[in-house]
Amino acid sequence: MKRYKTNRGNLNSVIRVGDNNVRIKFVAGSGGIGYFETNDTSLQKAIEKDSGFGVKFFEDSPLCEAIPEFTIIDNINSWQEARKFLQNEPYCVSPQDISSPKKIKSVAKSLGLQFKNLE
């Protein structure tokens, strides 16, 4: 499933798919952004080749990408414990890379970790 959006509210557009013209309709909500979704791969390709693509309408980024997934670590109660945790297997982070709470937090985030008791 691909989703497309437009900043032009409710928008109807005709897309050429092979020998046929297909009308697509972007439906806007209260924010004025119109959306259109389709599973049809030939229609998706045609939309992305259309002259209006990138001008009138765009591919919308998937919603699931907006929610990062973290492994919650809840048995760490100090920055020193967090530092030791990151230095051990499987992470093996060098001590220089985790020399401050700010650096520890940054490295943990890049590894998909979150120290629950240090937030």
PDB file of N, CA and C in Angstrom:
ATOM      1  N   MET A   1       0.851  -1.179   0.000  1.00  0.00           N
ATOM      2  CA  MET A   1       0.000   0.000   0.000  1.00  0.00           C
ATOM      3  C   MET A   1       0.890   1.233   0.000  1.00  0.00           C
ATOM      4  N   LYS A   2       0.641   2.137  -0.904  1.00  0.00           N
ATOM      5  CA  LYS A   2       1.337   3.413  -0.931  1.00  0.00           C
ATOM      6  C   LYS A   2       0.311   4.508  -0.726  1.00  0.00           C
ATOM      7  N   ARG A   3       0.764   5.547  -0.026  1.00  0.00           N
ATOM      8  CA  ARG A   3      -0.107   6.687   0.216  1.00  0.00           C
ATOM      9  C   ARG A   3       0.544   7.923  -0.377  1.00  0.00           C
ATOM     10  N   TYR A   4      -0.274   8.727  -1.026  1.00  0.00           N
ATOM     11  CA  TYR A   4       0.164   9.977  -1.636  1.00  0.00           C
ATOM     12  C   TYR A   4      -0.592  11.115  -0.982  1.00  0.00           C
ATOM     13  N   LYS A   5       0.016  12.305  -0.990  1.00  0.00           N
ATOM     14  CA  LYS A   5      -0.649  13.454  -0.382  1.00  0.00           C
ATOM     15  C   LYS A   5      -0.510  14.681  -1.266  1.00  0.00           C
ATOM     16  N   THR A   6      -1.407  15.632  -1.026  1.00  0.00           N
ATOM     17  CA  THR A   6      -1.367  16.912  -1.711  1.00  0.00           C
ATOM     18  C   THR A   6      -1.691  18.003  -0.712  1.00  0.00           C
ATOM     19  N   ASN A   7      -1.114  19.171  -0.926  1.00  0.00           N
ATOM     20  CA  ASN A   7      -1.415  20.328  -0.086  1.00  0.00           C
ATOM     21  C   ASN A   7      -2.563  21.136  -0.668  1.00  0.00           C
ATOM     22  N   ARG A   8      -3.192  20.614  -1.696  1.00  0.00           N
ATOM     23  CA  ARG A   8      -4.249  21.336  -2.406  1.00  0.00           C
ATOM     24  C   ARG A   8      -5.650  20.880  -2.007  1.00  0.00           C
ATOM     25  N   GLY A   9      -5.785  20.288  -0.842  1.00  0.00           N
ATOM     26  CA  GLY A   9      -7.101  19.876  -0.348  1.00  0.00           C
ATOM     27  C   GLY A   9      -7.660  18.708  -1.135  1.00  0.00           C
ATOM     28  N   ASN A  10      -8.968  18.790  -1.445  1.00  0.00           N
ATOM     29  CA  ASN A  10      -9.605  17.757  -2.265  1.00  0.00           C
ATOM     30  C   ASN A  10      -9.171  17.980  -3.708  1.00  0.00           C
ATOM     31  N   LEU A  11      -8.473  17.025  -4.260  1.00  0.00           N
ATOM     32  CA  LEU A  11      -7.930  17.172  -5.613  1.00  0.00           C
ATOM     33  C   LEU A  11      -8.281  15.945  -6.432  1.00  0.00           C
ATOM     34  N   ASN A  12      -8.834  16.168  -7.614  1.00  0.00           N
ATOM     35  CA  ASN A  12      -9.069  15.091  -8.576  1.00  0.00           C
ATOM     36  C   ASN A  12      -8.019  15.224  -9.666  1.00  0.00           C
ATOM     37  N   SER A  13      -7.457  14.101 -10.064  1.00  0.00           N
ATOM     38  CA  SER A  13      -6.449  14.111 -11.109  1.00  0.00           C
ATOM     39  C   SER A  13      -6.649  12.886 -11.997  1.00  0.00           C
ATOM     40  N   VAL A  14      -6.369  13.043 -13.271  1.00  0.00           N
ATOM     41  CA  VAL A  14      -6.469  11.935 -14.214  1.00  0.00           C
ATOM     42  C   VAL A  14      -5.058  11.443 -14.503  1.00  0.00           C
ATOM     43  N   ILE A  15      -4.862  10.140 -14.301  1.00  0.00           N
ATOM     44  CA  ILE A  15      -3.560   9.508 -14.487  1.00  0.00           C
ATOM     45  C   ILE A  15      -3.670   8.514 -15.633  1.00  0.00           C
ATOM     46  N   ARG A  16      -2.716   8.536 -16.521  1.00  0.00           N
ATOM     47  CA  ARG A  16      -2.680   7.609 -17.653  1.00  0.00           C
ATOM     48  C   ARG A  16      -2.009   6.311 -17.214  1.00  0.00           C
ATOM     49  N   VAL A  17      -2.769   5.205 -17.210  1.00  0.00           N
ATOM     50  CA  VAL A  17      -2.262   3.883 -16.863  1.00  0.00           C
ATOM     51  C   VAL A  17      -2.415   3.012 -18.100  1.00  0.00           C
ATOM     52  N   GLY A  18      -1.301   2.776 -18.792  1.00  0.00           N
ATOM     53  CA  GLY A  18      -1.371   2.027 -20.049  1.00  0.00           C
ATOM     54  C   GLY A  18      -2.183   2.804 -21.061  1.00  0.00           C
ATOM     55  N   ASP A  19      -3.259   2.176 -21.580  1.00  0.00           N
ATOM     56  CA  ASP A  19      -4.131   2.833 -22.555  1.00  0.00           C
ATOM     57  C   ASP A  19      -5.345   3.489 -21.899  1.00  0.00           C
ATOM     58  N   ASN A  20      -5.427   3.429 -20.577  1.00  0.00           N
ATOM     59  CA  ASN A  20      -6.608   3.935 -19.872  1.00  0.00           C
ATOM     60  C   ASN A  20      -6.297   5.176 -19.047  1.00  0.00           C
ATOM     61  N   ASN A  21      -7.293   6.016 -18.910  1.00  0.00           N
ATOM     62  CA  ASN A  21      -7.221   7.144 -17.996  1.00  0.00           C
ATOM     63  C   ASN A  21      -7.910   6.743 -16.703  1.00  0.00           C
ATOM     64  N   VAL A  22      -7.237   6.950 -15.581  1.00  0.00           N
ATOM     65  CA  VAL A  22      -7.787   6.605 -14.280  1.00  0.00           C
ATOM     66  C   VAL A  22      -7.876   7.883 -13.461  1.00  0.00           C
ATOM     67  N   ARG A  23      -9.072   8.147 -12.925  1.00  0.00           N
ATOM     68  CA  ARG A  23      -9.267   9.324 -12.082  1.00  0.00           C
ATOM     69  C   ARG A  23      -8.951   8.938 -10.643  1.00  0.00           C
ATOM     70  N   ILE A  24      -8.062   9.706 -10.037  1.00  0.00           N
ATOM     71  CA  ILE A  24      -7.775   9.495  -8.617  1.00  0.00           C
ATOM     72  C   ILE A  24      -8.259  10.719  -7.853  1.00  0.00           C
ATOM     73  N   LYS A  25      -8.702  10.489  -6.626  1.00  0.00           N
ATOM     74  CA  LYS A  25      -9.255  11.575  -5.825  1.00  0.00           C
ATOM     75  C   LYS A  25      -8.530  11.644  -4.486  1.00  0.00           C
ATOM     76  N   PHE A  26      -7.922  12.786  -4.231  1.00  0.00           N
ATOM     77  CA  PHE A  26      -7.302  13.049  -2.946  1.00  0.00           C
ATOM     78  C   PHE A  26      -8.378  13.644  -2.045  1.00  0.00           C
ATOM     79  N   VAL A  27      -8.571  13.041  -0.895  1.00  0.00           N
ATOM     80  CA  VAL A  27      -9.608  13.482   0.033  1.00  0.00           C
ATOM     81  C   VAL A  27      -8.936  14.183   1.208  1.00  0.00           C
ATOM     82  N   ALA A  28      -9.354  15.424   1.459  1.00  0.00           N
ATOM     83  CA  ALA A  28      -8.755  16.233   2.514  1.00  0.00           C
ATOM     84  C   ALA A  28      -9.553  16.146   3.801  1.00  0.00           C
ATOM     85  N   GLY A  29      -8.816  16.168   4.905  1.00  0.00           N
ATOM     86  CA  GLY A  29      -9.428  16.243   6.227  1.00  0.00           C
ATOM     87  C   GLY A  29      -9.480  17.691   6.667  1.00  0.00           C
ATOM     88  N   SER A  30      -9.574  17.893   7.957  1.00  0.00           N
ATOM     89  CA  SER A  30      -9.700  19.245   8.492  1.00  0.00           C
ATOM     90  C   SER A  30      -8.434  20.075   8.312  1.00  0.00           C
ATOM     91  N   GLY A  31      -7.279  19.436   8.141  1.00  0.00           N
ATOM     92  CA  GLY A  31      -6.022  20.161   7.969  1.00  0.00           C
ATOM     93  C   GLY A  31      -5.764  20.639   6.560  1.00  0.00           C
ATOM     94  N   GLY A  32      -6.605  20.268   5.601  1.00  0.00           N
ATOM     95  CA  GLY A  32      -6.425  20.694   4.227  1.00  0.00           C
ATOM     96  C   GLY A  32      -5.459  19.848   3.421  1.00  0.00           C
ATOM     97  N   ILE A  33      -4.912  18.794   4.007  1.00  0.00           N
ATOM     98  CA  ILE A  33      -4.015  17.886   3.288  1.00  0.00           C
ATOM     99  C   ILE A  33      -4.867  16.746   2.739  1.00  0.00           C
ATOM    100  N   GLY A  34      -4.776  16.524   1.418  1.00  0.00           N
ATOM    101  CA  GLY A  34      -5.532  15.455   0.782  1.00  0.00           C
ATOM    102  C   GLY A  34      -4.687  14.201   0.644  1.00  0.00           C
ATOM    103  N   TYR A  35      -5.333  13.034   0.812  1.00  0.00           N
ATOM    104  CA  TYR A  35      -4.621  11.759   0.727  1.00  0.00           C
ATOM    105  C   TYR A  35      -5.296  10.822  -0.263  1.00  0.00           C
ATOM    106  N   PHE A  36      -4.481   9.985  -0.907  1.00  0.00           N
ATOM    107  CA  PHE A  36      -4.960   8.930  -1.798  1.00  0.00           C
ATOM    108  C   PHE A  36      -4.084   7.715  -1.566  1.00  0.00           C
ATOM    109  N   GLU A  37      -4.706   6.535  -1.407  1.00  0.00           N
ATOM    110  CA  GLU A  37      -3.960   5.289  -1.186  1.00  0.00           C
ATOM    111  C   GLU A  37      -4.328   4.270  -2.248  1.00  0.00           C
ATOM    112  N   THR A  38      -3.337   3.436  -2.620  1.00  0.00           N
ATOM    113  CA  THR A  38      -3.609   2.362  -3.570  1.00  0.00           C
ATOM    114  C   THR A  38      -2.621   1.213  -3.394  1.00  0.00           C
ATOM    115  N   ASN A  39      -3.125   0.005  -3.668  1.00  0.00           N
ATOM    116  CA  ASN A  39      -2.273  -1.199  -3.695  1.00  0.00           C
ATOM    117  C   ASN A  39      -1.857  -1.545  -5.119  1.00  0.00           C
ATOM    118  N   ASP A  40      -2.467  -0.919  -6.089  1.00  0.00           N
ATOM    119  CA  ASP A  40      -2.245  -1.216  -7.506  1.00  0.00           C
ATOM    120  C   ASP A  40      -0.867  -0.714  -7.936  1.00  0.00           C
ATOM    121  N   THR A  41       0.062  -1.644  -8.176  1.00  0.00           N
ATOM    122  CA  THR A  41       1.434  -1.250  -8.517  1.00  0.00           C
ATOM    123  C   THR A  41       1.525  -0.529  -9.861  1.00  0.00           C
ATOM    124  N   SER A  42       0.686  -0.904 -10.824  1.00  0.00           N
ATOM    125  CA  SER A  42       0.735  -0.204 -12.112  1.00  0.00           C
ATOM    126  C   SER A  42       0.231   1.232 -11.961  1.00  0.00           C
ATOM    127  N   LEU A  43      -0.758   1.454 -11.104  1.00  0.00           N
ATOM    128  CA  LEU A  43      -1.236   2.808 -10.835  1.00  0.00           C
ATOM    129  C   LEU A  43      -0.173   3.600 -10.066  1.00  0.00           C
ATOM    130  N   GLN A  44       0.506   2.956  -9.124  1.00  0.00           N
ATOM    131  CA  GLN A  44       1.571   3.624  -8.382  1.00  0.00           C
ATOM    132  C   GLN A  44       2.669   4.106  -9.322  1.00  0.00           C
ATOM    133  N   LYS A  45       3.087   3.241 -10.242  1.00  0.00           N
ATOM    134  CA  LYS A  45       4.127   3.617 -11.204  1.00  0.00           C
ATOM    135  C   LYS A  45       3.661   4.770 -12.090  1.00  0.00           C
ATOM    136  N   ALA A  46       2.398   4.713 -12.514  1.00  0.00           N
ATOM    137  CA  ALA A  46       1.857   5.773 -13.365  1.00  0.00           C
ATOM    138  C   ALA A  46       1.782   7.101 -12.610  1.00  0.00           C
ATOM    139  N   ILE A  47       1.365   7.056 -11.349  1.00  0.00           N
ATOM    140  CA  ILE A  47       1.302   8.276 -10.537  1.00  0.00           C
ATOM    141  C   ILE A  47       2.685   8.893 -10.428  1.00  0.00           C
ATOM    142  N   GLU A  48       3.694   8.057 -10.187  1.00  0.00           N
ATOM    143  CA  GLU A  48       5.048   8.555  -9.973  1.00  0.00           C
ATOM    144  C   GLU A  48       5.724   9.018 -11.262  1.00  0.00           C
ATOM    145  N   LYS A  49       5.147   8.668 -12.428  1.00  0.00           N
ATOM    146  CA  LYS A  49       5.660   9.158 -13.716  1.00  0.00           C
ATOM    147  C   LYS A  49       4.873  10.373 -14.214  1.00  0.00           C
ATOM    148  N   ASP A  50       3.746  10.649 -13.579  1.00  0.00           N
ATOM    149  CA  ASP A  50       2.878  11.747 -13.999  1.00  0.00           C
ATOM    150  C   ASP A  50       3.566  13.098 -13.789  1.00  0.00           C
ATOM    151  N   SER A  51       3.250  14.064 -14.643  1.00  0.00           N
ATOM    152  CA  SER A  51       3.866  15.395 -14.542  1.00  0.00           C
ATOM    153  C   SER A  51       3.476  16.124 -13.255  1.00  0.00           C
ATOM    154  N   GLY A  52       2.384  15.737 -12.631  1.00  0.00           N
ATOM    155  CA  GLY A  52       1.963  16.365 -11.378  1.00  0.00           C
ATOM    156  C   GLY A  52       2.679  15.826 -10.154  1.00  0.00           C
ATOM    157  N   PHE A  53       3.360  14.682 -10.309  1.00  0.00           N
ATOM    158  CA  PHE A  53       4.064  14.083  -9.183  1.00  0.00           C
ATOM    159  C   PHE A  53       5.276  14.941  -8.822  1.00  0.00           C
ATOM    160  N   GLY A  54       5.374  15.289  -7.565  1.00  0.00           N
ATOM    161  CA  GLY A  54       6.449  16.162  -7.122  1.00  0.00           C
ATOM    162  C   GLY A  54       6.104  17.631  -7.238  1.00  0.00           C
ATOM    163  N   VAL A  55       4.968  17.935  -7.877  1.00  0.00           N
ATOM    164  CA  VAL A  55       4.512  19.315  -8.023  1.00  0.00           C
ATOM    165  C   VAL A  55       3.180  19.489  -7.290  1.00  0.00           C
ATOM    166  N   LYS A  56       2.167  18.735  -7.736  1.00  0.00           N
ATOM    167  CA  LYS A  56       0.839  18.803  -7.125  1.00  0.00           C
ATOM    168  C   LYS A  56       0.665  17.787  -6.010  1.00  0.00           C
ATOM    169  N   PHE A  57       1.263  16.622  -6.164  1.00  0.00           N
ATOM    170  CA  PHE A  57       1.122  15.558  -5.177  1.00  0.00           C
ATOM    171  C   PHE A  57       2.441  14.821  -5.018  1.00  0.00           C
ATOM    172  N   PHE A  58       2.576  14.193  -3.836  1.00  0.00           N
ATOM    173  CA  PHE A  58       3.838  13.586  -3.420  1.00  0.00           C
ATOM    174  C   PHE A  58       3.558  12.250  -2.754  1.00  0.00           C
ATOM    175  N   GLU A  59       4.584  11.395  -2.699  1.00  0.00           N
ATOM    176  CA  GLU A  59       4.449  10.173  -1.918  1.00  0.00           C
ATOM    177  C   GLU A  59       4.551  10.553  -0.447  1.00  0.00           C
ATOM    178  N   ASP A  60       3.643  10.027   0.351  1.00  0.00           N
ATOM    179  CA  ASP A  60       3.639  10.306   1.775  1.00  0.00           C
ATOM    180  C   ASP A  60       4.502   9.278   2.473  1.00  0.00           C
ATOM    181  N   SER A  61       5.300   9.719   3.432  1.00  0.00           N
ATOM    182  CA  SER A  61       6.144   8.762   4.157  1.00  0.00           C
ATOM    183  C   SER A  61       5.274   7.883   5.040  1.00  0.00           C
ATOM    184  N   PRO A  62       5.642   6.622   5.159  1.00  0.00           N
ATOM    185  CA  PRO A  62       4.850   5.711   5.992  1.00  0.00           C
ATOM    186  C   PRO A  62       4.787   6.176   7.437  1.00  0.00           C
ATOM    187  N   LEU A  63       3.633   5.993   8.057  1.00  0.00           N
ATOM    188  CA  LEU A  63       3.444   6.413   9.435  1.00  0.00           C
ATOM    189  C   LEU A  63       4.319   5.631  10.391  1.00  0.00           C
ATOM    190  N   CYS A  64       4.591   4.379  10.077  1.00  0.00           N
ATOM    191  CA  CYS A  64       5.360   3.548  11.007  1.00  0.00           C
ATOM    192  C   CYS A  64       6.794   4.029  11.161  1.00  0.00           C
ATOM    193  N   GLU A  65       7.333   4.779  10.211  1.00  0.00           N
ATOM    194  CA  GLU A  65       8.693   5.271  10.341  1.00  0.00           C
ATOM    195  C   GLU A  65       8.803   6.365  11.397  1.00  0.00           C
ATOM    196  N   ALA A  66       7.725   6.984  11.743  1.00  0.00           N
ATOM    197  CA  ALA A  66       7.759   8.063  12.704  1.00  0.00           C
ATOM    198  C   ALA A  66       7.904   7.579  14.137  1.00  0.00           C
ATOM    199  N   ILE A  67       7.702   6.308  14.378  1.00  0.00           N
ATOM    200  CA  ILE A  67       7.743   5.768  15.727  1.00  0.00           C
ATOM    201  C   ILE A  67       8.993   4.911  15.880  1.00  0.00           C
ATOM    202  N   PRO A  68      10.036   5.468  16.500  1.00  0.00           N
ATOM    203  CA  PRO A  68      11.241   4.670  16.678  1.00  0.00           C
ATOM    204  C   PRO A  68      11.009   3.572  17.712  1.00  0.00           C
ATOM    205  N   GLU A  69      11.662   2.445  17.512  1.00  0.00           N
ATOM    206  CA  GLU A  69      11.553   1.341  18.454  1.00  0.00           C
ATOM    207  C   GLU A  69      12.812   1.302  19.299  1.00  0.00           C
ATOM    208  N   PHE A  70      12.624   1.265  20.609  1.00  0.00           N
ATOM    209  CA  PHE A  70      13.735   1.208  21.546  1.00  0.00           C
ATOM    210  C   PHE A  70      13.601  -0.012  22.437  1.00  0.00           C
ATOM    211  N   THR A  71      14.727  -0.545  22.836  1.00  0.00           N
ATOM    212  CA  THR A  71      14.766  -1.567  23.864  1.00  0.00           C
ATOM    213  C   THR A  71      14.922  -0.817  25.181  1.00  0.00           C
ATOM    214  N   ILE A  72      13.971  -1.003  26.072  1.00  0.00           N
ATOM    215  CA  ILE A  72      13.990  -0.322  27.360  1.00  0.00           C
ATOM    216  C   ILE A  72      14.869  -1.119  28.329  1.00  0.00           C
ATOM    217  N   ILE A  73      15.849  -0.440  28.905  1.00  0.00           N
ATOM    218  CA  ILE A  73      16.729  -1.037  29.908  1.00  0.00           C
ATOM    219  C   ILE A  73      16.294  -0.443  31.250  1.00  0.00           C
ATOM    220  N   ASP A  74      15.715  -1.270  32.117  1.00  0.00           N
ATOM    221  CA  ASP A  74      15.175  -0.731  33.367  1.00  0.00           C
ATOM    222  C   ASP A  74      15.954  -1.122  34.620  1.00  0.00           C
ATOM    223  N   ASN A  75      17.064  -1.833  34.467  1.00  0.00           N
ATOM    224  CA  ASN A  75      17.844  -2.240  35.637  1.00  0.00           C
ATOM    225  C   ASN A  75      19.118  -1.407  35.818  1.00  0.00           C
ATOM    226  N   ILE A  76      19.218  -0.288  35.117  1.00  0.00           N
ATOM    227  CA  ILE A  76      20.364   0.615  35.220  1.00  0.00           C
ATOM    228  C   ILE A  76      19.892   1.861  35.978  1.00  0.00           C
ATOM    229  N   ASN A  77      20.609   2.200  37.058  1.00  0.00           N
ATOM    230  CA  ASN A  77      20.164   3.297  37.913  1.00  0.00           C
ATOM    231  C   ASN A  77      21.126   4.479  37.996  1.00  0.00           C
ATOM    232  N   SER A  78      22.267   4.400  37.316  1.00  0.00           N
ATOM    233  CA  SER A  78      23.223   5.522  37.328  1.00  0.00           C
ATOM    234  C   SER A  78      23.928   5.585  35.975  1.00  0.00           C
ATOM    235  N   TRP A  79      24.530   6.746  35.713  1.00  0.00           N
ATOM    236  CA  TRP A  79      25.264   6.922  34.460  1.00  0.00           C
ATOM    237  C   TRP A  79      26.495   6.024  34.429  1.00  0.00           C
ATOM    238  N   GLN A  80      27.075   5.761  35.590  1.00  0.00           N
ATOM    239  CA  GLN A  80      28.238   4.882  35.659  1.00  0.00           C
ATOM    240  C   GLN A  80      27.846   3.447  35.266  1.00  0.00           C
ATOM    241  N   GLU A  81      26.685   2.993  35.741  1.00  0.00           N
ATOM    242  CA  GLU A  81      26.196   1.655  35.367  1.00  0.00           C
ATOM    243  C   GLU A  81      25.900   1.596  33.871  1.00  0.00           C
ATOM    244  N   ALA A  82      25.331   2.668  33.349  1.00  0.00           N
ATOM    245  CA  ALA A  82      25.030   2.716  31.912  1.00  0.00           C
ATOM    246  C   ALA A  82      26.313   2.652  31.097  1.00  0.00           C
ATOM    247  N   ARG A  83      27.331   3.356  31.570  1.00  0.00           N
ATOM    248  CA  ARG A  83      28.626   3.357  30.875  1.00  0.00           C
ATOM    249  C   ARG A  83      29.219   1.941  30.838  1.00  0.00           C
ATOM    250  N   LYS A  84      29.212   1.248  31.980  1.00  0.00           N
ATOM    251  CA  LYS A  84      29.730  -0.125  32.034  1.00  0.00           C
ATOM    252  C   LYS A  84      28.910  -1.058  31.146  1.00  0.00           C
ATOM    253  N   PHE A  85      27.601  -0.857  31.155  1.00  0.00           N
ATOM    254  CA  PHE A  85      26.706  -1.674  30.337  1.00  0.00           C
ATOM    255  C   PHE A  85      27.076  -1.556  28.854  1.00  0.00           C
ATOM    256  N   LEU A  86      27.309  -0.329  28.393  1.00  0.00           N
ATOM    257  CA  LEU A  86      27.627  -0.099  26.976  1.00  0.00           C
ATOM    258  C   LEU A  86      29.042  -0.573  26.610  1.00  0.00           C
ATOM    259  N   GLN A  87      29.930  -0.638  27.575  1.00  0.00           N
ATOM    260  CA  GLN A  87      31.296  -1.094  27.304  1.00  0.00           C
ATOM    261  C   GLN A  87      31.368  -2.613  27.141  1.00  0.00           C
ATOM    262  N   ASN A  88      30.407  -3.331  27.706  1.00  0.00           N
ATOM    263  CA  ASN A  88      30.409  -4.800  27.658  1.00  0.00           C
ATOM    264  C   ASN A  88      29.773  -5.325  26.378  1.00  0.00           C
ATOM    265  N   GLU A  89      29.910  -6.639  26.196  1.00  0.00           N
ATOM    266  CA  GLU A  89      29.266  -7.330  25.066  1.00  0.00           C
ATOM    267  C   GLU A  89      27.771  -7.123  25.149  1.00  0.00           C
ATOM    268  N   PRO A  90      27.043  -6.981  24.092  1.00  0.00           N
ATOM    269  CA  PRO A  90      27.451  -7.051  22.690  1.00  0.00           C
ATOM    270  C   PRO A  90      27.830  -5.692  22.107  1.00  0.00           C
ATOM    271  N   TYR A  91      27.811  -4.615  22.921  1.00  0.00           N
ATOM    272  CA  TYR A  91      27.980  -3.262  22.381  1.00  0.00           C
ATOM    273  C   TYR A  91      29.436  -2.847  22.238  1.00  0.00           C
ATOM    274  N   CYS A  92      30.265  -3.118  23.240  1.00  0.00           N
ATOM    275  CA  CYS A  92      31.706  -2.836  23.196  1.00  0.00           C
ATOM    276  C   CYS A  92      32.029  -1.396  22.756  1.00  0.00           C
ATOM    277  N   VAL A  93      31.337  -0.441  23.346  1.00  0.00           N
ATOM    278  CA  VAL A  93      31.560   0.975  23.025  1.00  0.00           C
ATOM    279  C   VAL A  93      32.820   1.432  23.745  1.00  0.00           C
ATOM    280  N   SER A  94      33.646   2.201  23.057  1.00  0.00           N
ATOM    281  CA  SER A  94      34.901   2.659  23.672  1.00  0.00           C
ATOM    282  C   SER A  94      34.590   3.687  24.765  1.00  0.00           C
ATOM    283  N   PRO A  95      35.395   3.716  25.827  1.00  0.00           N
ATOM    284  CA  PRO A  95      35.164   4.649  26.935  1.00  0.00           C
ATOM    285  C   PRO A  95      35.136   6.117  26.503  1.00  0.00           C
ATOM    286  N   GLN A  96      35.924   6.476  25.493  1.00  0.00           N
ATOM    287  CA  GLN A  96      35.951   7.859  25.016  1.00  0.00           C
ATOM    288  C   GLN A  96      34.612   8.281  24.410  1.00  0.00           C
ATOM    289  N   ASP A  97      33.892   7.325  23.824  1.00  0.00           N
ATOM    290  CA  ASP A  97      32.614   7.643  23.179  1.00  0.00           C
ATOM    291  C   ASP A  97      31.475   7.822  24.173  1.00  0.00           C
ATOM    292  N   ILE A  98      31.701   7.422  25.429  1.00  0.00           N
ATOM    293  CA  ILE A  98      30.641   7.505  26.441  1.00  0.00           C
ATOM    294  C   ILE A  98      31.197   8.136  27.723  1.00  0.00           C
ATOM    295  N   SER A  99      31.866   9.265  27.564  1.00  0.00           N
ATOM    296  CA  SER A  99      32.541   9.918  28.689  1.00  0.00           C
ATOM    297  C   SER A  99      31.661  10.898  29.465  1.00  0.00           C
ATOM    298  N   SER A 100      30.442  11.129  29.013  1.00  0.00           N
ATOM    299  CA  SER A 100      29.528  12.035  29.717  1.00  0.00           C
ATOM    300  C   SER A 100      28.100  11.497  29.589  1.00  0.00           C
ATOM    301  N   PRO A 101      27.210  11.934  30.483  1.00  0.00           N
ATOM    302  CA  PRO A 101      25.814  11.494  30.363  1.00  0.00           C
ATOM    303  C   PRO A 101      25.203  11.815  28.999  1.00  0.00           C
ATOM    304  N   LYS A 102      25.546  12.971  28.451  1.00  0.00           N
ATOM    305  CA  LYS A 102      25.023  13.358  27.131  1.00  0.00           C
ATOM    306  C   LYS A 102      25.482  12.372  26.056  1.00  0.00           C
ATOM    307  N   LYS A 103      26.751  12.001  26.093  1.00  0.00           N
ATOM    308  CA  LYS A 103      27.295  11.044  25.120  1.00  0.00           C
ATOM    309  C   LYS A 103      26.702   9.655  25.323  1.00  0.00           C
ATOM    310  N   ILE A 104      26.526   9.261  26.578  1.00  0.00           N
ATOM    311  CA  ILE A 104      25.926   7.956  26.863  1.00  0.00           C
ATOM    312  C   ILE A 104      24.524   7.894  26.284  1.00  0.00           C
ATOM    313  N   LYS A 105      23.769   8.943  26.509  1.00  0.00           N
ATOM    314  CA  LYS A 105      22.388   8.994  26.005  1.00  0.00           C
ATOM    315  C   LYS A 105      22.366   8.942  24.478  1.00  0.00           C
ATOM    316  N   SER A 106      23.276   9.671  23.839  1.00  0.00           N
ATOM    317  CA  SER A 106      23.349   9.699  22.378  1.00  0.00           C
ATOM    318  C   SER A 106      23.721   8.335  21.800  1.00  0.00           C
ATOM    319  N   VAL A 107      24.717   7.696  22.380  1.00  0.00           N
ATOM    320  CA  VAL A 107      25.149   6.374  21.904  1.00  0.00           C
ATOM    321  C   VAL A 107      24.033   5.354  22.124  1.00  0.00           C
ATOM    322  N   ALA A 108      23.405   5.408  23.296  1.00  0.00           N
ATOM    323  CA  ALA A 108      22.298   4.479  23.584  1.00  0.00           C
ATOM    324  C   ALA A 108      21.183   4.645  22.550  1.00  0.00           C
ATOM    325  N   LYS A 109      20.859   5.886  22.241  1.00  0.00           N
ATOM    326  CA  LYS A 109      19.812   6.144  21.245  1.00  0.00           C
ATOM    327  C   LYS A 109      20.190   5.566  19.886  1.00  0.00           C
ATOM    328  N   SER A 110      21.442   5.750  19.483  1.00  0.00           N
ATOM    329  CA  SER A 110      21.886   5.227  18.182  1.00  0.00           C
ATOM    330  C   SER A 110      21.858   3.703  18.145  1.00  0.00           C
ATOM    331  N   LEU A 111      21.964   3.078  19.311  1.00  0.00           N
ATOM    332  CA  LEU A 111      21.909   1.607  19.399  1.00  0.00           C
ATOM    333  C   LEU A 111      20.487   1.100  19.625  1.00  0.00           C
ATOM    334  N   GLY A 112      19.525   2.015  19.723  1.00  0.00           N
ATOM    335  CA  GLY A 112      18.143   1.618  19.929  1.00  0.00           C
ATOM    336  C   GLY A 112      17.847   1.245  21.376  1.00  0.00           C
ATOM    337  N   LEU A 113      18.608   1.842  22.298  1.00  0.00           N
ATOM    338  CA  LEU A 113      18.437   1.560  23.722  1.00  0.00           C
ATOM    339  C   LEU A 113      17.926   2.796  24.445  1.00  0.00           C
ATOM    340  N   GLN A 114      17.163   2.568  25.494  1.00  0.00           N
ATOM    341  CA  GLN A 114      16.700   3.670  26.332  1.00  0.00           C
ATOM    342  C   GLN A 114      16.807   3.231  27.788  1.00  0.00           C
ATOM    343  N   PHE A 115      17.534   4.011  28.588  1.00  0.00           N
ATOM    344  CA  PHE A 115      17.682   3.726  30.004  1.00  0.00           C
ATOM    345  C   PHE A 115      16.515   4.367  30.749  1.00  0.00           C
ATOM    346  N   LYS A 116      15.547   3.545  31.129  1.00  0.00           N
ATOM    347  CA  LYS A 116      14.302   4.017  31.731  1.00  0.00           C
ATOM    348  C   LYS A 116      14.523   4.869  32.978  1.00  0.00           C
ATOM    349  N   ASN A 117      15.433   4.453  33.850  1.00  0.00           N
ATOM    350  CA  ASN A 117      15.637   5.145  35.125  1.00  0.00           C
ATOM    351  C   ASN A 117      16.552   6.380  35.026  1.00  0.00           C
ATOM    352  N   LEU A 118      17.039   6.666  33.837  1.00  0.00           N
ATOM    353  CA  LEU A 118      17.927   7.818  33.651  1.00  0.00           C
ATOM    354  C   LEU A 118      17.304   8.918  32.814  1.00  0.00           C
ATOM    355  N   GLU A 119      16.065   8.790  32.472  1.00  0.00           N
ATOM    356  CA  GLU A 119      15.389   9.788  31.630  1.00  0.00           C
ATOM    357  C   GLU A 119      14.898  10.947  32.450  1.00  0.00           C
TER     358      GLU A 119
END
